[in-house]
Amino acid sequence: MRNLTLEVVEQIAGEIRSGRLAPGTRLPTEHELRAALGVSRTVVREAVAALRADGLVISRQGAGVFVADESRIPFRIGPDGLSSIEDVLNVMELRLAIEVEAAALAAERTTPELTDAVAQALAAIDVAIKEGEAAVNEDFAFHRAIAAATGNPMYCQLLEFLGRHVIPRQSIRSALITDDELRRYLRRIQDEHRRILNAVRSGDAAAARRAMRAHLTRSLARYRRLAEAQTAAD
C-alpha cells in the first residue's frame, strides 16, 4: 500500500531538512515535479499544500513555491518529533487536552455549513480507505473541520500550528503489519468519527465531548498496547 502524497511530502521535506534544498530555493514547477516523481498533478498539489501547512515552503504569487527561510518555520510536531512510540503517546495526550472541549463547543456553536464540512471530511476518509490509503491527511482534515465548527479560529490555528503529524499512525505504519489490519483499524476509527459527527450535528455538547474523548482515549490505548508489544519483543 502506498500513500503517494505522503511519500512526496516526506521526500521534499527530507531535502529541505537536510539542507540540500536551502532556504529561498525555488521548488521545481508542478510539471517538473510530476515528471521527476512520476505522480499525478493532484498528488503534487496535495503535497505542496501539506508542505505549506507545515511551514516548510511559501508561495509567491506569479513566482512559484520557495523553501521557507529557517527563521520563518514555526514549531511543528514533525517526523523527527515522533521518532518513538513514547512521542506518539505524548501527542495523543496533548490532543485529548485540546480536542475534547473543541468537540463540545462545535456541538454548541456549529452552523449547517460547518457541519456539512465535517461530513464532507468524513466522506473523504471513506474514499481514501476504499482506495487503500492510510487517510492521514483526510483524518487531519476531519479534526480540523471539527475545530472550525467551534467558531473559534484559535482552535484551527492551533491544529495548523501543530501540523498534520498530530495524526500519528504514519509514524508507526510498519508496526500495523498488514494492509488488512490497517483497513480494520481505519474502519473502527471511522465508526468513532461518525459518533462525533452525529453528536455535533444534533447539537449535543455532552455527547460530542464523550465521543471525542472515547475516540482519542481508544487511540491512546491502542498505541499503549503497541508500546507494550514492542517492549516485549525487544
C-alpha atoms as a PDB file:
ATOM      1  CA  MET A   1       0.000   0.000   0.000  1.00  0.00           C
ATOM      2  CA  ARG A   2       1.389   3.424  -0.878  1.00  0.00           C
ATOM      3  CA  ASN A   3       0.336   6.899   0.131  1.00  0.00           C
ATOM      4  CA  LEU A   4       1.885   8.809  -2.758  1.00  0.00           C
ATOM      5  CA  THR A   5       1.139  12.248  -1.321  1.00  0.00           C
ATOM      6  CA  LEU A   6       2.842  11.364   1.952  1.00  0.00           C
ATOM      7  CA  GLU A   7       5.810   9.894   0.112  1.00  0.00           C
ATOM      8  CA  VAL A   8       6.257  13.088  -1.906  1.00  0.00           C
ATOM      9  CA  VAL A   9       5.882  15.251   1.219  1.00  0.00           C
ATOM     10  CA  GLU A  10       8.485  13.234   3.098  1.00  0.00           C
ATOM     11  CA  GLN A  11      10.875  13.223   0.142  1.00  0.00           C
ATOM     12  CA  ILE A  12      10.773  17.001  -0.329  1.00  0.00           C
ATOM     13  CA  ALA A  13      10.733  17.666   3.430  1.00  0.00           C
ATOM     14  CA  GLY A  14      13.823  15.475   3.762  1.00  0.00           C
ATOM     15  CA  GLU A  15      15.596  17.514   1.100  1.00  0.00           C
ATOM     16  CA  ILE A  16      14.706  20.704   2.958  1.00  0.00           C
ATOM     17  CA  ARG A  17      15.676  19.473   6.427  1.00  0.00           C
ATOM     18  CA  SER A  18      18.970  18.051   5.169  1.00  0.00           C
ATOM     19  CA  GLY A  19      19.889  21.397   3.639  1.00  0.00           C
ATOM     20  CA  ARG A  20      20.002  20.065   0.091  1.00  0.00           C
ATOM     21  CA  LEU A  21      17.152  22.476  -0.629  1.00  0.00           C
ATOM     22  CA  ALA A  22      18.310  25.665   1.053  1.00  0.00           C
ATOM     23  CA  PRO A  23      16.031  28.459   2.320  1.00  0.00           C
ATOM     24  CA  GLY A  24      14.934  30.649  -0.557  1.00  0.00           C
ATOM     25  CA  THR A  25      15.365  27.908  -3.163  1.00  0.00           C
ATOM     26  CA  ARG A  26      12.574  27.765  -5.699  1.00  0.00           C
ATOM     27  CA  LEU A  27      10.932  24.349  -5.969  1.00  0.00           C
ATOM     28  CA  PRO A  28      10.618  22.797  -9.411  1.00  0.00           C
ATOM     29  CA  THR A  29       7.396  23.615 -11.225  1.00  0.00           C
ATOM     30  CA  GLU A  30       4.360  21.395 -10.890  1.00  0.00           C
ATOM     31  CA  HIS A  31       5.096  19.900 -14.314  1.00  0.00           C
ATOM     32  CA  GLU A  32       8.733  19.249 -13.372  1.00  0.00           C
ATOM     33  CA  LEU A  33       7.766  17.607 -10.094  1.00  0.00           C
ATOM     34  CA  ARG A  34       5.227  15.384 -11.842  1.00  0.00           C
ATOM     35  CA  ALA A  35       7.840  14.270 -14.366  1.00  0.00           C
ATOM     36  CA  ALA A  36      10.606  13.771 -11.789  1.00  0.00           C
ATOM     37  CA  LEU A  37       8.497  11.909  -9.244  1.00  0.00           C
ATOM     38  CA  GLY A  38       6.151  10.069 -11.582  1.00  0.00           C
ATOM     39  CA  VAL A  39       2.992  11.195  -9.798  1.00  0.00           C
ATOM     40  CA  SER A  40      -0.208  12.983 -10.752  1.00  0.00           C
ATOM     41  CA  ARG A  41      -0.992  16.684 -10.628  1.00  0.00           C
ATOM     42  CA  THR A  42      -3.325  16.032  -7.682  1.00  0.00           C
ATOM     43  CA  VAL A  43      -0.563  14.362  -5.672  1.00  0.00           C
ATOM     44  CA  VAL A  44       1.837  17.233  -6.349  1.00  0.00           C
ATOM     45  CA  ARG A  45      -0.715  19.850  -5.362  1.00  0.00           C
ATOM     46  CA  GLU A  46      -1.676  17.985  -2.178  1.00  0.00           C
ATOM     47  CA  ALA A  47       1.981  17.550  -1.259  1.00  0.00           C
ATOM     48  CA  VAL A  48       2.780  21.226  -1.770  1.00  0.00           C
ATOM     49  CA  ALA A  49      -0.273  22.175   0.297  1.00  0.00           C
ATOM     50  CA  ALA A  50       0.924  19.882   3.106  1.00  0.00           C
ATOM     51  CA  LEU A  51       4.435  21.339   2.959  1.00  0.00           C
ATOM     52  CA  ARG A  52       2.944  24.833   3.086  1.00  0.00           C
ATOM     53  CA  ALA A  53       0.800  23.878   6.101  1.00  0.00           C
ATOM     54  CA  ASP A  54       3.926  22.546   7.809  1.00  0.00           C
ATOM     55  CA  GLY A  55       5.643  25.888   7.193  1.00  0.00           C
ATOM     56  CA  LEU A  56       8.375  24.377   5.048  1.00  0.00           C
ATOM     57  CA  VAL A  57       7.513  26.252   1.845  1.00  0.00           C
ATOM     58  CA  ILE A  58       5.847  29.510   0.922  1.00  0.00           C
ATOM     59  CA  SER A  59       4.069  30.554  -2.262  1.00  0.00           C
ATOM     60  CA  ARG A  60       4.860  33.807  -4.030  1.00  0.00           C
ATOM     61  CA  GLN A  61       2.211  34.896  -6.477  1.00  0.00           C
ATOM     62  CA  GLY A  62       3.477  34.728 -10.011  1.00  0.00           C
ATOM     63  CA  ALA A  63       6.896  33.461  -8.926  1.00  0.00           C
ATOM     64  CA  GLY A  64       6.368  29.943  -7.633  1.00  0.00           C
ATOM     65  CA  VAL A  65       6.897  27.980  -4.446  1.00  0.00           C
ATOM     66  CA  PHE A  66      10.028  28.537  -2.366  1.00  0.00           C
ATOM     67  CA  VAL A  67      11.684  26.884   0.610  1.00  0.00           C
ATOM     68  CA  ALA A  68      10.812  28.970   3.665  1.00  0.00           C
ATOM     69  CA  ASP A  69      13.521  30.833   5.496  1.00  0.00           C
ATOM     70  CA  GLU A  70      14.521  28.910   8.645  1.00  0.00           C
ATOM     71  CA  SER A  71      13.558  31.858  10.832  1.00  0.00           C
ATOM     72  CA  ARG A  72      10.016  31.694   9.424  1.00  0.00           C
ATOM     73  CA  ILE A  73       9.465  27.965  10.014  1.00  0.00           C
ATOM     74  CA  PRO A  74       7.352  27.669  13.170  1.00  0.00           C
ATOM     75  CA  PHE A  75       7.405  24.837  15.638  1.00  0.00           C
ATOM     76  CA  ARG A  76       5.709  21.709  14.341  1.00  0.00           C
ATOM     77  CA  ILE A  77       5.241  18.189  15.562  1.00  0.00           C
ATOM     78  CA  GLY A  78       7.061  16.669  12.631  1.00  0.00           C
ATOM     79  CA  PRO A  79       8.549  13.280  11.749  1.00  0.00           C
ATOM     80  CA  ASP A  80      11.620  13.868  13.905  1.00  0.00           C
ATOM     81  CA  GLY A  81       9.343  14.687  16.829  1.00  0.00           C
ATOM     82  CA  LEU A  82       7.552  11.322  16.561  1.00  0.00           C
ATOM     83  CA  SER A  83      10.603   9.113  16.468  1.00  0.00           C
ATOM     84  CA  SER A  84       9.351   6.740  19.161  1.00  0.00           C
ATOM     85  CA  ILE A  85       6.102   5.256  20.431  1.00  0.00           C
ATOM     86  CA  GLU A  86       6.549   7.381  23.561  1.00  0.00           C
ATOM     87  CA  ASP A  87       6.373  10.501  21.389  1.00  0.00           C
ATOM     88  CA  VAL A  88       3.151   9.193  19.848  1.00  0.00           C
ATOM     89  CA  LEU A  89       1.641   8.696  23.311  1.00  0.00           C
ATOM     90  CA  ASN A  90       2.595  12.268  24.236  1.00  0.00           C
ATOM     91  CA  VAL A  91       0.884  13.583  21.104  1.00  0.00           C
ATOM     92  CA  MET A  92      -2.304  11.687  21.912  1.00  0.00           C
ATOM     93  CA  GLU A  93      -2.376  13.098  25.448  1.00  0.00           C
ATOM     94  CA  LEU A  94      -1.939  16.601  24.010  1.00  0.00           C
ATOM     95  CA  ARG A  95      -4.842  16.057  21.627  1.00  0.00           C
ATOM     96  CA  LEU A  96      -7.065  14.886  24.471  1.00  0.00           C
ATOM     97  CA  ALA A  97      -6.440  18.166  26.263  1.00  0.00           C
ATOM     98  CA  ILE A  98      -7.384  20.208  23.190  1.00  0.00           C
ATOM     99  CA  GLU A  99      -9.955  18.383  21.093  1.00  0.00           C
ATOM    100  CA  VAL A 100     -12.437  17.066  23.634  1.00  0.00           C
ATOM    101  CA  GLU A 101     -13.617  20.551  24.511  1.00  0.00           C
ATOM    102  CA  ALA A 102     -13.415  21.595  20.863  1.00  0.00           C
ATOM    103  CA  ALA A 103     -15.965  18.905  20.003  1.00  0.00           C
ATOM    104  CA  ALA A 104     -18.315  20.158  22.721  1.00  0.00           C
ATOM    105  CA  LEU A 105     -18.026  23.744  21.514  1.00  0.00           C
ATOM    106  CA  ALA A 106     -18.621  22.592  17.937  1.00  0.00           C
ATOM    107  CA  ALA A 107     -21.895  20.965  19.011  1.00  0.00           C
ATOM    108  CA  GLU A 108     -22.985  24.154  20.763  1.00  0.00           C
ATOM    109  CA  ARG A 109     -21.962  26.609  18.058  1.00  0.00           C
ATOM    110  CA  THR A 110     -21.754  24.947  14.667  1.00  0.00           C
ATOM    111  CA  THR A 111     -23.713  26.097  11.636  1.00  0.00           C
ATOM    112  CA  PRO A 112     -25.223  23.804   8.958  1.00  0.00           C
ATOM    113  CA  GLU A 113     -22.441  24.834   6.575  1.00  0.00           C
ATOM    114  CA  LEU A 114     -19.689  23.954   9.047  1.00  0.00           C
ATOM    115  CA  THR A 115     -21.368  20.669   9.954  1.00  0.00           C
ATOM    116  CA  ASP A 116     -21.567  19.841   6.236  1.00  0.00           C
ATOM    117  CA  ALA A 117     -17.811  20.466   6.041  1.00  0.00           C
ATOM    118  CA  VAL A 118     -17.265  17.925   8.832  1.00  0.00           C
ATOM    119  CA  ALA A 119     -19.467  15.413   6.972  1.00  0.00           C
ATOM    120  CA  GLN A 120     -17.532  16.003   3.744  1.00  0.00           C
ATOM    121  CA  ALA A 121     -14.246  15.437   5.581  1.00  0.00           C
ATOM    122  CA  LEU A 122     -15.632  12.183   6.962  1.00  0.00           C
ATOM    123  CA  ALA A 123     -16.662  11.092   3.466  1.00  0.00           C
ATOM    124  CA  ALA A 124     -13.167  11.875   2.173  1.00  0.00           C
ATOM    125  CA  ILE A 125     -11.724   9.443   4.716  1.00  0.00           C
ATOM    126  CA  ASP A 126     -14.085   6.741   3.428  1.00  0.00           C
ATOM    127  CA  VAL A 127     -12.877   7.374  -0.126  1.00  0.00           C
ATOM    128  CA  ALA A 128      -9.224   7.198   0.926  1.00  0.00           C
ATOM    129  CA  ILE A 129      -9.806   3.924   2.780  1.00  0.00           C
ATOM    130  CA  LYS A 130     -11.531   2.403  -0.269  1.00  0.00           C
ATOM    131  CA  GLU A 131      -8.536   3.440  -2.383  1.00  0.00           C
ATOM    132  CA  GLY A 132      -6.197   1.653   0.018  1.00  0.00           C
ATOM    133  CA  GLU A 133      -4.700   4.778   1.556  1.00  0.00           C
ATOM    134  CA  ALA A 134      -3.862   5.425   5.214  1.00  0.00           C
ATOM    135  CA  ALA A 135      -6.033   8.595   5.093  1.00  0.00           C
ATOM    136  CA  VAL A 136      -3.640  10.625   7.232  1.00  0.00           C
ATOM    137  CA  ASN A 137      -4.310  13.966   5.546  1.00  0.00           C
ATOM    138  CA  GLU A 138      -8.040  13.248   5.379  1.00  0.00           C
ATOM    139  CA  ASP A 139      -8.111  12.379   9.091  1.00  0.00           C
ATOM    140  CA  PHE A 140      -6.359  15.643   9.903  1.00  0.00           C
ATOM    141  CA  ALA A 141      -8.900  17.497   7.746  1.00  0.00           C
ATOM    142  CA  PHE A 142     -11.750  15.906   9.721  1.00  0.00           C
ATOM    143  CA  HIS A 143     -10.350  17.065  13.049  1.00  0.00           C
ATOM    144  CA  ARG A 144      -9.625  20.487  11.594  1.00  0.00           C
ATOM    145  CA  ALA A 145     -13.251  20.706  10.424  1.00  0.00           C
ATOM    146  CA  ILE A 146     -14.395  19.974  13.982  1.00  0.00           C
ATOM    147  CA  ALA A 147     -12.095  22.749  15.173  1.00  0.00           C
ATOM    148  CA  ALA A 148     -13.551  25.119  12.576  1.00  0.00           C
ATOM    149  CA  ALA A 149     -17.068  24.234  13.724  1.00  0.00           C
ATOM    150  CA  THR A 150     -16.299  25.717  17.152  1.00  0.00           C
ATOM    151  CA  GLY A 151     -16.437  29.171  15.600  1.00  0.00           C
ATOM    152  CA  ASN A 152     -13.226  29.950  17.495  1.00  0.00           C
ATOM    153  CA  PRO A 153     -10.419  30.425  14.963  1.00  0.00           C
ATOM    154  CA  MET A 154      -7.793  29.745  17.616  1.00  0.00           C
ATOM    155  CA  TYR A 155      -8.646  26.026  17.570  1.00  0.00           C
ATOM    156  CA  CYS A 156      -7.949  25.815  13.837  1.00  0.00           C
ATOM    157  CA  GLN A 157      -4.817  27.885  14.183  1.00  0.00           C
ATOM    158  CA  LEU A 158      -3.542  25.623  16.931  1.00  0.00           C
ATOM    159  CA  LEU A 159      -4.091  22.472  14.868  1.00  0.00           C
ATOM    160  CA  GLU A 160      -2.393  24.113  11.875  1.00  0.00           C
ATOM    161  CA  PHE A 161       0.442  25.157  14.191  1.00  0.00           C
ATOM    162  CA  LEU A 162       0.924  21.590  15.367  1.00  0.00           C
ATOM    163  CA  GLY A 163       0.621  20.284  11.815  1.00  0.00           C
ATOM    164  CA  ARG A 164      -0.736  17.147  10.222  1.00  0.00           C
ATOM    165  CA  HIS A 165       1.628  14.967  12.275  1.00  0.00           C
ATOM    166  CA  VAL A 166      -0.862  15.132  15.138  1.00  0.00           C
ATOM    167  CA  ILE A 167      -2.256  12.084  13.302  1.00  0.00           C
ATOM    168  CA  PRO A 168       0.481   9.701  14.434  1.00  0.00           C
ATOM    169  CA  ARG A 169      -0.290   6.480  12.568  1.00  0.00           C
ATOM    170  CA  GLN A 170       2.017   7.436   9.693  1.00  0.00           C
ATOM    171  CA  SER A 171       4.872   7.265  12.203  1.00  0.00           C
ATOM    172  CA  ILE A 172       4.052   3.690  13.205  1.00  0.00           C
ATOM    173  CA  ARG A 173       2.786   2.419   9.839  1.00  0.00           C
ATOM    174  CA  SER A 174       5.224  -0.505   9.784  1.00  0.00           C
ATOM    175  CA  ALA A 175       4.028  -1.642  13.201  1.00  0.00           C
ATOM    176  CA  LEU A 176       0.487  -2.190  11.889  1.00  0.00           C
ATOM    177  CA  ILE A 177       1.969  -5.126   9.945  1.00  0.00           C
ATOM    178  CA  THR A 178      -0.615  -5.867   7.254  1.00  0.00           C
ATOM    179  CA  ASP A 179      -2.866  -3.946   4.934  1.00  0.00           C
ATOM    180  CA  ASP A 180      -5.899  -5.853   6.225  1.00  0.00           C
ATOM    181  CA  GLU A 181      -5.109  -4.865   9.804  1.00  0.00           C
ATOM    182  CA  LEU A 182      -4.741  -1.258   8.756  1.00  0.00           C
ATOM    183  CA  ARG A 183      -8.108  -1.299   6.973  1.00  0.00           C
ATOM    184  CA  ARG A 184      -9.840  -2.808  10.011  1.00  0.00           C
ATOM    185  CA  TYR A 185      -8.191  -0.221  12.198  1.00  0.00           C
ATOM    186  CA  LEU A 186      -9.366   2.608   9.953  1.00  0.00           C
ATOM    187  CA  ARG A 187     -12.931   1.282   9.869  1.00  0.00           C
ATOM    188  CA  ARG A 188     -13.032   1.312  13.675  1.00  0.00           C
ATOM    189  CA  ILE A 189     -11.779   4.874  13.673  1.00  0.00           C
ATOM    190  CA  GLN A 190     -14.466   5.835  11.146  1.00  0.00           C
ATOM    191  CA  ASP A 191     -17.166   4.455  13.430  1.00  0.00           C
ATOM    192  CA  GLU A 192     -15.808   6.704  16.178  1.00  0.00           C
ATOM    193  CA  HIS A 193     -15.653   9.668  13.790  1.00  0.00           C
ATOM    194  CA  ARG A 194     -19.315   9.140  12.862  1.00  0.00           C
ATOM    195  CA  ARG A 195     -20.336   9.249  16.520  1.00  0.00           C
ATOM    196  CA  ILE A 196     -18.549  12.576  16.855  1.00  0.00           C
ATOM    197  CA  LEU A 197     -20.242  13.969  13.738  1.00  0.00           C
ATOM    198  CA  ASN A 198     -23.690  12.792  14.867  1.00  0.00           C
ATOM    199  CA  ALA A 199     -23.268  14.424  18.267  1.00  0.00           C
ATOM    200  CA  VAL A 200     -22.103  17.700  16.717  1.00  0.00           C
ATOM    201  CA  ARG A 201     -24.918  17.627  14.174  1.00  0.00           C
ATOM    202  CA  SER A 202     -27.518  17.074  16.910  1.00  0.00           C
ATOM    203  CA  GLY A 203     -26.136  19.940  18.985  1.00  0.00           C
ATOM    204  CA  ASP A 204     -25.449  17.638  21.954  1.00  0.00           C
ATOM    205  CA  ALA A 205     -22.315  19.064  23.572  1.00  0.00           C
ATOM    206  CA  ALA A 206     -22.102  16.383  26.253  1.00  0.00           C
ATOM    207  CA  ALA A 207     -22.370  13.601  23.679  1.00  0.00           C
ATOM    208  CA  ALA A 208     -19.782  15.276  21.452  1.00  0.00           C
ATOM    209  CA  ARG A 209     -17.414  15.590  24.384  1.00  0.00           C
ATOM    210  CA  ARG A 210     -17.889  11.915  25.259  1.00  0.00           C
ATOM    211  CA  ALA A 211     -17.497  10.781  21.649  1.00  0.00           C
ATOM    212  CA  MET A 212     -14.267  12.711  21.110  1.00  0.00           C
ATOM    213  CA  ARG A 213     -12.864  11.605  24.458  1.00  0.00           C
ATOM    214  CA  ALA A 214     -13.737   7.985  23.672  1.00  0.00           C
ATOM    215  CA  HIS A 215     -12.163   8.262  20.211  1.00  0.00           C
ATOM    216  CA  LEU A 216      -8.880   9.705  21.439  1.00  0.00           C
ATOM    217  CA  THR A 217      -8.753   7.566  24.566  1.00  0.00           C
ATOM    218  CA  ARG A 218      -9.209   4.409  22.493  1.00  0.00           C
ATOM    219  CA  SER A 219      -6.475   5.543  20.131  1.00  0.00           C
ATOM    220  CA  LEU A 220      -4.221   6.222  23.098  1.00  0.00           C
ATOM    221  CA  ALA A 221      -4.974   2.741  24.449  1.00  0.00           C
ATOM    222  CA  ARG A 222      -4.169   1.200  21.036  1.00  0.00           C
ATOM    223  CA  TYR A 223      -0.776   2.885  20.957  1.00  0.00           C
ATOM    224  CA  ARG A 224      -0.071   1.897  24.557  1.00  0.00           C
ATOM    225  CA  ARG A 225      -0.749  -1.733  23.667  1.00  0.00           C
ATOM    226  CA  LEU A 226       1.586  -1.337  20.715  1.00  0.00           C
ATOM    227  CA  ALA A 227       4.263   0.109  23.010  1.00  0.00           C
ATOM    228  CA  GLU A 228       3.874  -2.857  25.348  1.00  0.00           C
ATOM    229  CA  ALA A 229       4.137  -5.288  22.446  1.00  0.00           C
ATOM    230  CA  GLN A 230       7.273  -3.586  21.172  1.00  0.00           C
ATOM    231  CA  THR A 231       8.818  -3.680  24.638  1.00  0.00           C
ATOM    232  CA  ALA A 232       8.024  -7.384  24.952  1.00  0.00           C
ATOM    233  CA  ALA A 233       9.528  -8.052  21.518  1.00  0.00           C
ATOM    234  CA  ASP A 234      12.732  -6.257  22.499  1.00  0.00           C
END
